[in-house]
């Protein structure tokens, strides 16, 4: 599963509507800032913990 697919799955589980446009901005080797629909920052996703941390 790609990073984008993992984040989309987590967002759906949290109740966000499905979108085709998710942007990830890498912060370090395991965390990325999640940008939804080009302008809304959702939070930071941790790929080691497989969850949002902020």
Protein backbone atom coordinates (compact mmCIF):
# COMPACT_ATOMS: atom_id res chain seq x y z
CA UNK A 1 0.00 0.00 0.00
CA UNK A 2 1.36 3.43 -0.90
CA UNK A 3 1.64 6.25 1.63
CA UNK A 4 -1.20 8.15 -0.03
CA UNK A 5 -3.47 5.10 0.05
CA UNK A 6 -2.69 4.53 3.75
CA UNK A 7 -3.53 8.14 4.62
CA UNK A 8 -6.75 8.05 2.56
CA UNK A 9 -7.83 4.88 4.40
CA UNK A 10 -7.13 6.50 7.79
CA UNK A 11 -9.03 9.65 6.80
CA UNK A 12 -12.07 7.63 5.71
CA UNK A 13 -11.99 5.83 9.08
CA UNK A 14 -12.07 9.24 10.79
CA UNK A 15 -15.12 10.31 8.76
CA UNK A 16 -13.57 12.56 6.10
CA UNK A 17 -15.29 12.40 2.69
CA UNK A 18 -13.39 10.56 -0.01
CA UNK A 19 -11.20 12.73 -2.20
CA UNK A 20 -8.82 12.05 -5.04
CA UNK A 21 -6.50 14.90 -4.08
CA UNK A 22 -4.30 14.31 -1.04
CA UNK A 23 -0.85 15.85 -0.86
CA UNK A 24 1.88 14.65 1.50
CA UNK A 25 4.73 16.93 2.52
CA UNK A 26 7.50 14.86 4.12
CA UNK A 27 8.72 16.21 7.46
CA UNK A 28 11.22 13.44 8.22
CA UNK A 29 11.71 9.78 7.36
CA UNK A 30 8.42 8.61 8.92
CA UNK A 31 6.13 11.65 9.23
CA UNK A 32 4.28 13.70 6.64
CA UNK A 33 2.02 16.73 6.72
CA UNK A 34 -1.33 15.86 5.11
CA UNK A 35 -2.91 18.48 2.85
CA UNK A 36 -6.51 17.81 1.81
CA UNK A 37 -7.93 19.09 -1.49
CA UNK A 38 -4.98 21.41 -2.05
CA UNK A 39 -5.52 23.83 0.82
CA UNK A 40 -6.69 22.29 4.12
CA UNK A 41 -3.97 20.93 6.39
CA UNK A 42 -5.43 17.89 8.14
CA UNK A 43 -2.48 17.11 10.41
CA UNK A 44 0.66 15.03 10.60
CA UNK A 45 0.60 11.32 9.83
CA UNK A 46 3.16 8.96 11.37
CA UNK A 47 3.94 5.98 9.13
CA UNK A 48 5.67 4.04 11.94
CA UNK A 49 2.63 4.27 14.22
CA UNK A 50 0.17 4.24 11.28
CA UNK A 51 -1.92 7.05 12.72
CA UNK A 52 -2.33 10.81 12.85
CA UNK A 53 -0.26 12.38 15.60
CA UNK A 54 -1.43 15.96 15.24
